[in-house]
Amino acid sequence: MLLNDFFKITEIANVAEGFTATVELNPAHPVFDGHFPGNPIVPGVCLVEMVKETLAHYLKRDLALMNSDNIKFLSIVNPLENNILKIDFKTRILDEGIFQAKVIMYNGEEICLKFDGKFK
């Protein structure tokens, strides 16, 4: 789990069709000792895990990623340059216990991740 160690949720707001979250990265986290020393970059797998854990926090339930139809990493996230990310979630229930999430993650004004996937 990365929540409250690698990142923390600082704000959640409901919007039409979903919610938005603001998260703060921990630039001192040990993952950056290896990715990469002196030039930290958030690994893509951590961005996807942040999506899952933020959605689970919002829904107040454990989730597992079933599949993703589309994941695009569009820009690098360096927590020393900007450690605040905004995440826009459009969610819907497909079947009982199965959630679809279309997500856009922003690093400042720049999109760093687009994600479309299903969780249960």
PDB file of N, CA and C in Angstrom:
ATOM      1  N   MET A   1       0.825  -1.186   0.000  1.00  0.00           N
ATOM      2  CA  MET A   1       0.000   0.000   0.000  1.00  0.00           C
ATOM      3  C   MET A   1       0.866   1.244   0.000  1.00  0.00           C
ATOM      4  N   LEU A   2       0.488   2.193  -0.822  1.00  0.00           N
ATOM      5  CA  LEU A   2       1.240   3.434  -0.926  1.00  0.00           C
ATOM      6  C   LEU A   2       0.596   4.590  -0.150  1.00  0.00           C
ATOM      7  N   LEU A   3      -0.712   4.479   0.088  1.00  0.00           N
ATOM      8  CA  LEU A   3      -1.451   5.557   0.746  1.00  0.00           C
ATOM      9  C   LEU A   3      -0.898   5.810   2.143  1.00  0.00           C
ATOM     10  N   ASN A   4      -0.684   7.078   2.439  1.00  0.00           N
ATOM     11  CA  ASN A   4      -0.171   7.578   3.718  1.00  0.00           C
ATOM     12  C   ASN A   4       1.306   7.256   3.936  1.00  0.00           C
ATOM     13  N   ASP A   5       2.004   6.851   2.891  1.00  0.00           N
ATOM     14  CA  ASP A   5       3.444   6.634   2.949  1.00  0.00           C
ATOM     15  C   ASP A   5       4.082   7.260   1.708  1.00  0.00           C
ATOM     16  N   PHE A   6       3.764   6.726   0.551  1.00  0.00           N
ATOM     17  CA  PHE A   6       4.247   7.270  -0.717  1.00  0.00           C
ATOM     18  C   PHE A   6       3.475   8.537  -1.100  1.00  0.00           C
ATOM     19  N   PHE A   7       2.167   8.539  -0.778  1.00  0.00           N
ATOM     20  CA  PHE A   7       1.331   9.704  -1.054  1.00  0.00           C
ATOM     21  C   PHE A   7       0.228   9.800  -0.020  1.00  0.00           C
ATOM     22  N   LYS A   8      -0.348  10.997   0.098  1.00  0.00           N
ATOM     23  CA  LYS A   8      -1.521  11.163   0.950  1.00  0.00           C
ATOM     24  C   LYS A   8      -2.570  11.950   0.182  1.00  0.00           C
ATOM     25  N   ILE A   9      -3.820  11.666   0.497  1.00  0.00           N
ATOM     26  CA  ILE A   9      -4.945  12.374  -0.121  1.00  0.00           C
ATOM     27  C   ILE A   9      -5.202  13.620   0.704  1.00  0.00           C
ATOM     28  N   THR A  10      -5.157  14.779   0.064  1.00  0.00           N
ATOM     29  CA  THR A  10      -5.366  16.024   0.795  1.00  0.00           C
ATOM     30  C   THR A  10      -6.748  16.620   0.574  1.00  0.00           C
ATOM     31  N   GLU A  11      -7.421  16.190  -0.513  1.00  0.00           N
ATOM     32  CA  GLU A  11      -8.754  16.728  -0.783  1.00  0.00           C
ATOM     33  C   GLU A  11      -9.506  15.783  -1.711  1.00  0.00           C
ATOM     34  N   ILE A  12     -10.807  15.627  -1.448  1.00  0.00           N
ATOM     35  CA  ILE A  12     -11.704  14.889  -2.341  1.00  0.00           C
ATOM     36  C   ILE A  12     -12.972  15.716  -2.478  1.00  0.00           C
ATOM     37  N   ALA A  13     -13.446  15.842  -3.719  1.00  0.00           N
ATOM     38  CA  ALA A  13     -14.680  16.583  -3.978  1.00  0.00           C
ATOM     39  C   ALA A  13     -15.525  15.826  -4.987  1.00  0.00           C
ATOM     40  N   ASN A  14     -16.810  15.726  -4.711  1.00  0.00           N
ATOM     41  CA  ASN A  14     -17.733  15.105  -5.653  1.00  0.00           C
ATOM     42  C   ASN A  14     -17.988  16.040  -6.822  1.00  0.00           C
ATOM     43  N   VAL A  15     -18.056  15.468  -8.007  1.00  0.00           N
ATOM     44  CA  VAL A  15     -18.400  16.203  -9.223  1.00  0.00           C
ATOM     45  C   VAL A  15     -19.355  15.326 -10.021  1.00  0.00           C
ATOM     46  N   ALA A  16     -19.937  15.895 -11.066  1.00  0.00           N
ATOM     47  CA  ALA A  16     -20.827  15.111 -11.916  1.00  0.00           C
ATOM     48  C   ALA A  16     -20.087  13.883 -12.438  1.00  0.00           C
ATOM     49  N   GLU A  17     -20.703  12.734 -12.336  1.00  0.00           N
ATOM     50  CA  GLU A  17     -20.175  11.461 -12.842  1.00  0.00           C
ATOM     51  C   GLU A  17     -18.974  10.929 -12.079  1.00  0.00           C
ATOM     52  N   GLY A  18     -18.611  11.522 -10.947  1.00  0.00           N
ATOM     53  CA  GLY A  18     -17.457  10.994 -10.230  1.00  0.00           C
ATOM     54  C   GLY A  18     -16.959  11.918  -9.148  1.00  0.00           C
ATOM     55  N   PHE A  19     -15.622  12.040  -9.067  1.00  0.00           N
ATOM     56  CA  PHE A  19     -15.016  12.881  -8.042  1.00  0.00           C
ATOM     57  C   PHE A  19     -13.631  13.317  -8.491  1.00  0.00           C
ATOM     58  N   THR A  20     -13.097  14.308  -7.801  1.00  0.00           N
ATOM     59  CA  THR A  20     -11.715  14.724  -8.014  1.00  0.00           C
ATOM     60  C   THR A  20     -10.971  14.552  -6.698  1.00  0.00           C
ATOM     61  N   ALA A  21      -9.701  14.267  -6.807  1.00  0.00           N
ATOM     62  CA  ALA A  21      -8.854  14.127  -5.624  1.00  0.00           C
ATOM     63  C   ALA A  21      -7.568  14.899  -5.849  1.00  0.00           C
ATOM     64  N   THR A  22      -7.078  15.479  -4.780  1.00  0.00           N
ATOM     65  CA  THR A  22      -5.764  16.099  -4.787  1.00  0.00           C
ATOM     66  C   THR A  22      -4.891  15.254  -3.872  1.00  0.00           C
ATOM     67  N   VAL A  23      -3.721  14.878  -4.371  1.00  0.00           N
ATOM     68  CA  VAL A  23      -2.809  14.046  -3.591  1.00  0.00           C
ATOM     69  C   VAL A  23      -1.450  14.730  -3.496  1.00  0.00           C
ATOM     70  N   GLU A  24      -0.764  14.426  -2.408  1.00  0.00           N
ATOM     71  CA  GLU A  24       0.570  14.979  -2.183  1.00  0.00           C
ATOM     72  C   GLU A  24       1.563  13.829  -2.115  1.00  0.00           C
ATOM     73  N   LEU A  25       2.570  13.888  -2.960  1.00  0.00           N
ATOM     74  CA  LEU A  25       3.623  12.869  -2.988  1.00  0.00           C
ATOM     75  C   LEU A  25       4.645  13.124  -1.889  1.00  0.00           C
ATOM     76  N   ASN A  26       5.264  12.056  -1.414  1.00  0.00           N
ATOM     77  CA  ASN A  26       6.342  12.144  -0.439  1.00  0.00           C
ATOM     78  C   ASN A  26       7.672  12.036  -1.176  1.00  0.00           C
ATOM     79  N   PRO A  27       8.319  13.173  -1.463  1.00  0.00           N
ATOM     80  CA  PRO A  27       9.569  13.114  -2.237  1.00  0.00           C
ATOM     81  C   PRO A  27      10.717  12.421  -1.505  1.00  0.00           C
ATOM     82  N   ALA A  28      10.573  12.180  -0.201  1.00  0.00           N
ATOM     83  CA  ALA A  28      11.618  11.502   0.572  1.00  0.00           C
ATOM     84  C   ALA A  28      11.397   9.992   0.634  1.00  0.00           C
ATOM     85  N   HIS A  29      10.388   9.468  -0.066  1.00  0.00           N
ATOM     86  CA  HIS A  29      10.096   8.033  -0.018  1.00  0.00           C
ATOM     87  C   HIS A  29      11.273   7.235  -0.600  1.00  0.00           C
ATOM     88  N   PRO A  30      11.586   6.075  -0.011  1.00  0.00           N
ATOM     89  CA  PRO A  30      12.731   5.269  -0.469  1.00  0.00           C
ATOM     90  C   PRO A  30      12.664   4.805  -1.916  1.00  0.00           C
ATOM     91  N   VAL A  31      11.482   4.751  -2.528  1.00  0.00           N
ATOM     92  CA  VAL A  31      11.408   4.314  -3.930  1.00  0.00           C
ATOM     93  C   VAL A  31      12.263   5.219  -4.825  1.00  0.00           C
ATOM     94  N   PHE A  32      12.389   6.484  -4.433  1.00  0.00           N
ATOM     95  CA  PHE A  32      13.146   7.424  -5.263  1.00  0.00           C
ATOM     96  C   PHE A  32      14.658   7.247  -5.122  1.00  0.00           C
ATOM     97  N   ASP A  33      15.088   6.464  -4.115  1.00  0.00           N
ATOM     98  CA  ASP A  33      16.521   6.159  -4.005  1.00  0.00           C
ATOM     99  C   ASP A  33      16.989   5.333  -5.192  1.00  0.00           C
ATOM    100  N   GLY A  34      16.082   4.569  -5.784  1.00  0.00           N
ATOM    101  CA  GLY A  34      16.455   3.737  -6.923  1.00  0.00           C
ATOM    102  C   GLY A  34      15.829   4.188  -8.228  1.00  0.00           C
ATOM    103  N   HIS A  35      14.951   5.170  -8.165  1.00  0.00           N
ATOM    104  CA  HIS A  35      14.191   5.586  -9.367  1.00  0.00           C
ATOM    105  C   HIS A  35      14.097   7.109  -9.421  1.00  0.00           C
ATOM    106  N   PHE A  36      15.000   7.827  -9.643  1.00  0.00           N
ATOM    107  CA  PHE A  36      16.418   7.588  -9.875  1.00  0.00           C
ATOM    108  C   PHE A  36      17.202   8.515  -8.949  1.00  0.00           C
ATOM    109  N   PRO A  37      18.342   8.091  -8.394  1.00  0.00           N
ATOM    110  CA  PRO A  37      19.094   8.932  -7.464  1.00  0.00           C
ATOM    111  C   PRO A  37      19.436  10.295  -8.079  1.00  0.00           C
ATOM    112  N   GLY A  38      19.083  11.353  -7.368  1.00  0.00           N
ATOM    113  CA  GLY A  38      19.365  12.700  -7.843  1.00  0.00           C
ATOM    114  C   GLY A  38      18.368  13.235  -8.845  1.00  0.00           C
ATOM    115  N   ASN A  39      17.567  12.378  -9.450  1.00  0.00           N
ATOM    116  CA  ASN A  39      16.547  12.787 -10.423  1.00  0.00           C
ATOM    117  C   ASN A  39      15.319  11.895 -10.238  1.00  0.00           C
ATOM    118  N   PRO A  40      14.591  12.099  -9.140  1.00  0.00           N
ATOM    119  CA  PRO A  40      13.476  11.188  -8.844  1.00  0.00           C
ATOM    120  C   PRO A  40      12.341  11.296  -9.861  1.00  0.00           C
ATOM    121  N   ILE A  41      11.830  10.137 -10.243  1.00  0.00           N
ATOM    122  CA  ILE A  41      10.695  10.049 -11.166  1.00  0.00           C
ATOM    123  C   ILE A  41       9.721   9.038 -10.583  1.00  0.00           C
ATOM    124  N   VAL A  42       8.451   9.396 -10.528  1.00  0.00           N
ATOM    125  CA  VAL A  42       7.430   8.476 -10.026  1.00  0.00           C
ATOM    126  C   VAL A  42       7.267   7.341 -11.038  1.00  0.00           C
ATOM    127  N   PRO A  43       7.460   6.093 -10.603  1.00  0.00           N
ATOM    128  CA  PRO A  43       7.256   4.968 -11.520  1.00  0.00           C
ATOM    129  C   PRO A  43       5.797   4.878 -11.975  1.00  0.00           C
ATOM    130  N   GLY A  44       5.597   4.474 -13.221  1.00  0.00           N
ATOM    131  CA  GLY A  44       4.248   4.347 -13.762  1.00  0.00           C
ATOM    132  C   GLY A  44       3.374   3.421 -12.951  1.00  0.00           C
ATOM    133  N   VAL A  45       3.943   2.329 -12.455  1.00  0.00           N
ATOM    134  CA  VAL A  45       3.168   1.391 -11.647  1.00  0.00           C
ATOM    135  C   VAL A  45       2.660   2.069 -10.372  1.00  0.00           C
ATOM    136  N   CYS A  46       3.415   3.013  -9.834  1.00  0.00           N
ATOM    137  CA  CYS A  46       2.969   3.748  -8.639  1.00  0.00           C
ATOM    138  C   CYS A  46       1.811   4.683  -8.978  1.00  0.00           C
ATOM    139  N   LEU A  47       1.826   5.294 -10.166  1.00  0.00           N
ATOM    140  CA  LEU A  47       0.707   6.145 -10.585  1.00  0.00           C
ATOM    141  C   LEU A  47      -0.575   5.324 -10.685  1.00  0.00           C
ATOM    142  N   VAL A  48      -0.477   4.130 -11.268  1.00  0.00           N
ATOM    143  CA  VAL A  48      -1.654   3.259 -11.395  1.00  0.00           C
ATOM    144  C   VAL A  48      -2.129   2.810 -10.010  1.00  0.00           C
ATOM    145  N   GLU A  49      -1.207   2.461  -9.142  1.00  0.00           N
ATOM    146  CA  GLU A  49      -1.572   2.050  -7.779  1.00  0.00           C
ATOM    147  C   GLU A  49      -2.231   3.211  -7.025  1.00  0.00           C
ATOM    148  N   MET A  50      -1.771   4.432  -7.255  1.00  0.00           N
ATOM    149  CA  MET A  50      -2.398   5.601  -6.630  1.00  0.00           C
ATOM    150  C   MET A  50      -3.847   5.750  -7.091  1.00  0.00           C
ATOM    151  N   VAL A  51      -4.114   5.482  -8.362  1.00  0.00           N
ATOM    152  CA  VAL A  51      -5.483   5.514  -8.879  1.00  0.00           C
ATOM    153  C   VAL A  51      -6.331   4.499  -8.116  1.00  0.00           C
ATOM    154  N   LYS A  52      -5.845   3.262  -8.022  1.00  0.00           N
ATOM    155  CA  LYS A  52      -6.596   2.204  -7.337  1.00  0.00           C
ATOM    156  C   LYS A  52      -6.846   2.546  -5.874  1.00  0.00           C
ATOM    157  N   GLU A  53      -5.806   2.968  -5.167  1.00  0.00           N
ATOM    158  CA  GLU A  53      -5.947   3.235  -3.743  1.00  0.00           C
ATOM    159  C   GLU A  53      -6.812   4.462  -3.467  1.00  0.00           C
ATOM    160  N   THR A  54      -6.758   5.465  -4.327  1.00  0.00           N
ATOM    161  CA  THR A  54      -7.610   6.646  -4.151  1.00  0.00           C
ATOM    162  C   THR A  54      -9.068   6.279  -4.389  1.00  0.00           C
ATOM    163  N   LEU A  55      -9.336   5.479  -5.421  1.00  0.00           N
ATOM    164  CA  LEU A  55     -10.707   5.027  -5.673  1.00  0.00           C
ATOM    165  C   LEU A  55     -11.203   4.164  -4.512  1.00  0.00           C
ATOM    166  N   ALA A  56     -10.378   3.259  -4.007  1.00  0.00           N
ATOM    167  CA  ALA A  56     -10.759   2.411  -2.879  1.00  0.00           C
ATOM    168  C   ALA A  56     -11.065   3.259  -1.640  1.00  0.00           C
ATOM    169  N   HIS A  57     -10.262   4.273  -1.412  1.00  0.00           N
ATOM    170  CA  HIS A  57     -10.496   5.180  -0.282  1.00  0.00           C
ATOM    171  C   HIS A  57     -11.838   5.891  -0.438  1.00  0.00           C
ATOM    172  N   TYR A  58     -12.117   6.368  -1.634  1.00  0.00           N
ATOM    173  CA  TYR A  58     -13.369   7.075  -1.906  1.00  0.00           C
ATOM    174  C   TYR A  58     -14.576   6.149  -1.719  1.00  0.00           C
ATOM    175  N   LEU A  59     -14.475   4.932  -2.222  1.00  0.00           N
ATOM    176  CA  LEU A  59     -15.581   3.975  -2.130  1.00  0.00           C
ATOM    177  C   LEU A  59     -15.663   3.281  -0.772  1.00  0.00           C
ATOM    178  N   LYS A  60     -14.613   3.457   0.037  1.00  0.00           N
ATOM    179  CA  LYS A  60     -14.535   2.829   1.355  1.00  0.00           C
ATOM    180  C   LYS A  60     -14.634   1.299   1.270  1.00  0.00           C
ATOM    181  N   ARG A  61     -13.850   0.731   0.343  1.00  0.00           N
ATOM    182  CA  ARG A  61     -13.814  -0.722   0.176  1.00  0.00           C
ATOM    183  C   ARG A  61     -12.507  -1.122  -0.494  1.00  0.00           C
ATOM    184  N   ASP A  62     -12.114  -2.360  -0.278  1.00  0.00           N
ATOM    185  CA  ASP A  62     -10.924  -2.892  -0.943  1.00  0.00           C
ATOM    186  C   ASP A  62     -11.250  -3.114  -2.410  1.00  0.00           C
ATOM    187  N   LEU A  63     -10.272  -2.869  -3.263  1.00  0.00           N
ATOM    188  CA  LEU A  63     -10.444  -3.064  -4.698  1.00  0.00           C
ATOM    189  C   LEU A  63      -9.242  -3.800  -5.275  1.00  0.00           C
ATOM    190  N   ALA A  64      -9.493  -4.482  -6.373  1.00  0.00           N
ATOM    191  CA  ALA A  64      -8.427  -5.093  -7.168  1.00  0.00           C
ATOM    192  C   ALA A  64      -8.647  -4.675  -8.611  1.00  0.00           C
ATOM    193  N   LEU A  65      -7.573  -4.370  -9.292  1.00  0.00           N
ATOM    194  CA  LEU A  65      -7.655  -4.035 -10.708  1.00  0.00           C
ATOM    195  C   LEU A  65      -7.937  -5.310 -11.495  1.00  0.00           C
ATOM    196  N   MET A  66      -9.050  -5.314 -12.236  1.00  0.00           N
ATOM    197  CA  MET A  66      -9.403  -6.468 -13.074  1.00  0.00           C
ATOM    198  C   MET A  66      -8.678  -6.389 -14.408  1.00  0.00           C
ATOM    199  N   ASN A  67      -8.820  -5.249 -15.072  1.00  0.00           N
ATOM    200  CA  ASN A  67      -8.133  -5.031 -16.345  1.00  0.00           C
ATOM    201  C   ASN A  67      -8.160  -3.545 -16.674  1.00  0.00           C
ATOM    202  N   SER A  68      -7.344  -3.189 -17.614  1.00  0.00           N
ATOM    203  CA  SER A  68      -7.317  -1.820 -18.105  1.00  0.00           C
ATOM    204  C   SER A  68      -7.305  -1.853 -19.622  1.00  0.00           C
ATOM    205  N   ASP A  69      -8.261  -1.133 -20.197  1.00  0.00           N
ATOM    206  CA  ASP A  69      -8.332  -1.063 -21.650  1.00  0.00           C
ATOM    207  C   ASP A  69      -7.332  -0.055 -22.213  1.00  0.00           C
ATOM    208  N   ASN A  70      -6.905   0.870 -21.356  1.00  0.00           N
ATOM    209  CA  ASN A  70      -6.058   1.941 -21.857  1.00  0.00           C
ATOM    210  C   ASN A  70      -5.295   2.584 -20.705  1.00  0.00           C
ATOM    211  N   ILE A  71      -3.986   2.576 -20.785  1.00  0.00           N
ATOM    212  CA  ILE A  71      -3.141   3.315 -19.845  1.00  0.00           C
ATOM    213  C   ILE A  71      -2.124   4.077 -20.677  1.00  0.00           C
ATOM    214  N   LYS A  72      -2.114   5.394 -20.509  1.00  0.00           N
ATOM    215  CA  LYS A  72      -1.141   6.223 -21.229  1.00  0.00           C
ATOM    216  C   LYS A  72      -0.387   7.088 -20.230  1.00  0.00           C
ATOM    217  N   PHE A  73       0.930   6.937 -20.219  1.00  0.00           N
ATOM    218  CA  PHE A  73       1.799   7.777 -19.410  1.00  0.00           C
ATOM    219  C   PHE A  73       2.272   8.905 -20.325  1.00  0.00           C
ATOM    220  N   LEU A  74       1.857  10.120 -20.024  1.00  0.00           N
ATOM    221  CA  LEU A  74       2.055  11.229 -20.963  1.00  0.00           C
ATOM    222  C   LEU A  74       3.158  12.202 -20.566  1.00  0.00           C
ATOM    223  N   SER A  75       3.530  12.221 -19.313  1.00  0.00           N
ATOM    224  CA  SER A  75       4.634  13.083 -18.899  1.00  0.00           C
ATOM    225  C   SER A  75       5.237  12.548 -17.606  1.00  0.00           C
ATOM    226  N   ILE A  76       6.460  12.937 -17.363  1.00  0.00           N
ATOM    227  CA  ILE A  76       7.209  12.504 -16.183  1.00  0.00           C
ATOM    228  C   ILE A  76       6.756  13.300 -14.971  1.00  0.00           C
ATOM    229  N   VAL A  77       6.677  12.605 -13.819  1.00  0.00           N
ATOM    230  CA  VAL A  77       6.359  13.267 -12.557  1.00  0.00           C
ATOM    231  C   VAL A  77       7.602  13.224 -11.686  1.00  0.00           C
ATOM    232  N   ASN A  78       8.182  14.387 -11.440  1.00  0.00           N
ATOM    233  CA  ASN A  78       9.330  14.532 -10.559  1.00  0.00           C
ATOM    234  C   ASN A  78       8.821  15.189  -9.278  1.00  0.00           C
ATOM    235  N   PRO A  79       8.816  14.477  -8.138  1.00  0.00           N
ATOM    236  CA  PRO A  79       8.246  15.029  -6.913  1.00  0.00           C
ATOM    237  C   PRO A  79       9.025  16.197  -6.323  1.00  0.00           C
ATOM    238  N   LEU A  80      10.255  16.427  -6.800  1.00  0.00           N
ATOM    239  CA  LEU A  80      11.012  17.592  -6.339  1.00  0.00           C
ATOM    240  C   LEU A  80      10.563  18.857  -7.068  1.00  0.00           C
ATOM    241  N   GLU A  81      10.034  18.686  -8.279  1.00  0.00           N
ATOM    242  CA  GLU A  81       9.541  19.831  -9.044  1.00  0.00           C
ATOM    243  C   GLU A  81       8.104  20.169  -8.678  1.00  0.00           C
ATOM    244  N   ASN A  82       7.278  19.137  -8.475  1.00  0.00           N
ATOM    245  CA  ASN A  82       5.877  19.329  -8.088  1.00  0.00           C
ATOM    246  C   ASN A  82       5.423  18.049  -7.401  1.00  0.00           C
ATOM    247  N   ASN A  83       5.035  18.160  -6.138  1.00  0.00           N
ATOM    248  CA  ASN A  83       4.602  16.960  -5.422  1.00  0.00           C
ATOM    249  C   ASN A  83       3.085  16.930  -5.191  1.00  0.00           C
ATOM    250  N   ILE A  84       2.344  17.808  -5.875  1.00  0.00           N
ATOM    251  CA  ILE A  84       0.886  17.837  -5.773  1.00  0.00           C
ATOM    252  C   ILE A  84       0.299  17.422  -7.121  1.00  0.00           C
ATOM    253  N   LEU A  85      -0.545  16.386  -7.099  1.00  0.00           N
ATOM    254  CA  LEU A  85      -1.205  15.901  -8.311  1.00  0.00           C
ATOM    255  C   LEU A  85      -2.712  16.008  -8.128  1.00  0.00           C
ATOM    256  N   LYS A  86      -3.420  16.275  -9.217  1.00  0.00           N
ATOM    257  CA  LYS A  86      -4.880  16.286  -9.210  1.00  0.00           C
ATOM    258  C   LYS A  86      -5.342  15.095 -10.046  1.00  0.00           C
ATOM    259  N   ILE A  87      -6.350  14.388  -9.542  1.00  0.00           N
ATOM    260  CA  ILE A  87      -6.859  13.214 -10.244  1.00  0.00           C
ATOM    261  C   ILE A  87      -8.356  13.370 -10.449  1.00  0.00           C
ATOM    262  N   ASP A  88      -8.791  13.329 -11.703  1.00  0.00           N
ATOM    263  CA  ASP A  88     -10.214  13.390 -12.046  1.00  0.00           C
ATOM    264  C   ASP A  88     -10.704  11.982 -12.341  1.00  0.00           C
ATOM    265  N   PHE A  89     -11.736  11.558 -11.628  1.00  0.00           N
ATOM    266  CA  PHE A  89     -12.330  10.229 -11.785  1.00  0.00           C
ATOM    267  C   PHE A  89     -13.731  10.353 -12.361  1.00  0.00           C
ATOM    268  N   LYS A  90     -14.013   9.635 -13.427  1.00  0.00           N
ATOM    269  CA  LYS A  90     -15.376   9.413 -13.896  1.00  0.00           C
ATOM    270  C   LYS A  90     -15.638   7.940 -13.637  1.00  0.00           C
ATOM    271  N   THR A  91     -16.616   7.641 -12.794  1.00  0.00           N
ATOM    272  CA  THR A  91     -16.844   6.264 -12.388  1.00  0.00           C
ATOM    273  C   THR A  91     -18.278   5.856 -12.663  1.00  0.00           C
ATOM    274  N   ARG A  92     -18.440   4.543 -12.844  1.00  0.00           N
ATOM    275  CA  ARG A  92     -19.782   3.984 -12.946  1.00  0.00           C
ATOM    276  C   ARG A  92     -19.728   2.524 -12.538  1.00  0.00           C
ATOM    277  N   ILE A  93     -20.880   2.042 -12.070  1.00  0.00           N
ATOM    278  CA  ILE A  93     -21.001   0.640 -11.683  1.00  0.00           C
ATOM    279  C   ILE A  93     -21.449  -0.141 -12.902  1.00  0.00           C
ATOM    280  N   LEU A  94     -20.675  -1.170 -13.269  1.00  0.00           N
ATOM    281  CA  LEU A  94     -21.024  -2.011 -14.421  1.00  0.00           C
ATOM    282  C   LEU A  94     -21.923  -3.160 -13.992  1.00  0.00           C
ATOM    283  N   ASP A  95     -21.538  -3.847 -12.957  1.00  0.00           N
ATOM    284  CA  ASP A  95     -22.294  -4.939 -12.352  1.00  0.00           C
ATOM    285  C   ASP A  95     -22.089  -4.792 -10.853  1.00  0.00           C
ATOM    286  N   GLU A  96     -22.797  -5.578 -10.089  1.00  0.00           N
ATOM    287  CA  GLU A  96     -22.622  -5.491  -8.641  1.00  0.00           C
ATOM    288  C   GLU A  96     -21.171  -5.765  -8.274  1.00  0.00           C
ATOM    289  N   GLY A  97     -20.552  -4.793  -7.654  1.00  0.00           N
ATOM    290  CA  GLY A  97     -19.176  -4.945  -7.217  1.00  0.00           C
ATOM    291  C   GLY A  97     -18.124  -4.676  -8.267  1.00  0.00           C
ATOM    292  N   ILE A  98     -18.506  -4.316  -9.484  1.00  0.00           N
ATOM    293  CA  ILE A  98     -17.531  -4.013 -10.538  1.00  0.00           C
ATOM    294  C   ILE A  98     -17.678  -2.545 -10.929  1.00  0.00           C
ATOM    295  N   PHE A  99     -16.568  -1.822 -10.833  1.00  0.00           N
ATOM    296  CA  PHE A  99     -16.551  -0.392 -11.101  1.00  0.00           C
ATOM    297  C   PHE A  99     -15.653  -0.096 -12.289  1.00  0.00           C
ATOM    298  N   GLN A 100     -16.117   0.770 -13.163  1.00  0.00           N
ATOM    299  CA  GLN A 100     -15.271   1.266 -14.238  1.00  0.00           C
ATOM    300  C   GLN A 100     -14.827   2.669 -13.855  1.00  0.00           C
ATOM    301  N   ALA A 101     -13.564   2.962 -14.103  1.00  0.00           N
ATOM    302  CA  ALA A 101     -13.023   4.289 -13.807  1.00  0.00           C
ATOM    303  C   ALA A 101     -12.269   4.806 -15.020  1.00  0.00           C
ATOM    304  N   LYS A 102     -12.648   5.993 -15.446  1.00  0.00           N
ATOM    305  CA  LYS A 102     -11.887   6.726 -16.457  1.00  0.00           C
ATOM    306  C   LYS A 102     -11.215   7.869 -15.707  1.00  0.00           C
ATOM    307  N   VAL A 103      -9.909   7.916 -15.818  1.00  0.00           N
ATOM    308  CA  VAL A 103      -9.124   8.796 -14.960  1.00  0.00           C
ATOM    309  C   VAL A 103      -8.178   9.650 -15.799  1.00  0.00           C
ATOM    310  N   ILE A 104      -8.071  10.901 -15.400  1.00  0.00           N
ATOM    311  CA  ILE A 104      -7.023  11.786 -15.924  1.00  0.00           C
ATOM    312  C   ILE A 104      -6.290  12.347 -14.713  1.00  0.00           C
ATOM    313  N   MET A 105      -4.974  12.184 -14.713  1.00  0.00           N
ATOM    314  CA  MET A 105      -4.137  12.688 -13.625  1.00  0.00           C
ATOM    315  C   MET A 105      -3.307  13.857 -14.143  1.00  0.00           C
ATOM    316  N   TYR A 106      -3.280  14.926 -13.359  1.00  0.00           N
ATOM    317  CA  TYR A 106      -2.587  16.148 -13.744  1.00  0.00           C
ATOM    318  C   TYR A 106      -1.405  16.411 -12.828  1.00  0.00           C
ATOM    319  N   ASN A 107      -0.305  16.786 -13.434  1.00  0.00           N
ATOM    320  CA  ASN A 107       0.891  17.261 -12.747  1.00  0.00           C
ATOM    321  C   ASN A 107       0.966  18.748 -13.063  1.00  0.00           C
ATOM    322  N   GLY A 108       0.403  19.577 -12.192  1.00  0.00           N
ATOM    323  CA  GLY A 108       0.245  20.993 -12.520  1.00  0.00           C
ATOM    324  C   GLY A 108      -0.811  21.113 -13.608  1.00  0.00           C
ATOM    325  N   GLU A 109      -0.487  21.775 -14.683  1.00  0.00           N
ATOM    326  CA  GLU A 109      -1.413  21.931 -15.815  1.00  0.00           C
ATOM    327  C   GLU A 109      -1.259  20.817 -16.846  1.00  0.00           C
ATOM    328  N   GLU A 110      -0.243  19.985 -16.667  1.00  0.00           N
ATOM    329  CA  GLU A 110       0.094  18.954 -17.647  1.00  0.00           C
ATOM    330  C   GLU A 110      -0.541  17.614 -17.280  1.00  0.00           C
ATOM    331  N   ILE A 111      -1.105  16.932 -18.260  1.00  0.00           N
ATOM    332  CA  ILE A 111      -1.637  15.590 -18.038  1.00  0.00           C
ATOM    333  C   ILE A 111      -0.461  14.619 -17.977  1.00  0.00           C
ATOM    334  N   CYS A 112      -0.412  13.826 -16.909  1.00  0.00           N
ATOM    335  CA  CYS A 112       0.670  12.845 -16.790  1.00  0.00           C
ATOM    336  C   CYS A 112       0.179  11.411 -16.976  1.00  0.00           C
ATOM    337  N   LEU A 113      -1.147  11.168 -16.808  1.00  0.00           N
ATOM    338  CA  LEU A 113      -1.671   9.820 -16.936  1.00  0.00           C
ATOM    339  C   LEU A 113      -3.116   9.864 -17.402  1.00  0.00           C
ATOM    340  N   LYS A 114      -3.430   8.990 -18.362  1.00  0.00           N
ATOM    341  CA  LYS A 114      -4.816   8.703 -18.732  1.00  0.00           C
ATOM    342  C   LYS A 114      -5.011   7.217 -18.507  1.00  0.00           C
ATOM    343  N   PHE A 115      -6.117   6.873 -17.867  1.00  0.00           N
ATOM    344  CA  PHE A 115      -6.346   5.493 -17.448  1.00  0.00           C
ATOM    345  C   PHE A 115      -7.821   5.156 -17.617  1.00  0.00           C
ATOM    346  N   ASP A 116      -8.111   3.989 -18.159  1.00  0.00           N
ATOM    347  CA  ASP A 116      -9.470   3.473 -18.248  1.00  0.00           C
ATOM    348  C   ASP A 116      -9.420   2.014 -17.835  1.00  0.00           C
ATOM    349  N   GLY A 117     -10.056   1.686 -16.715  1.00  0.00           N
ATOM    350  CA  GLY A 117      -9.964   0.317 -16.237  1.00  0.00           C
ATOM    351  C   GLY A 117     -11.142  -0.091 -15.378  1.00  0.00           C
ATOM    352  N   LYS A 118     -11.159  -1.384 -15.046  1.00  0.00           N
ATOM    353  CA  LYS A 118     -12.236  -1.954 -14.234  1.00  0.00           C
ATOM    354  C   LYS A 118     -11.648  -2.529 -12.951  1.00  0.00           C
ATOM    355  N   PHE A 119     -12.387  -2.313 -11.869  1.00  0.00           N
ATOM    356  CA  PHE A 119     -11.985  -2.790 -10.542  1.00  0.00           C
ATOM    357  C   PHE A 119     -13.102  -3.609  -9.923  1.00  0.00           C
ATOM    358  N   LYS A 120     -12.729  -4.545  -9.071  1.00  0.00           N
ATOM    359  CA  LYS A 120     -13.737  -5.243  -8.267  1.00  0.00           C
ATOM    360  C   LYS A 120     -13.243  -5.423  -6.864  1.00  0.00           C
TER     361      LYS A 120
END
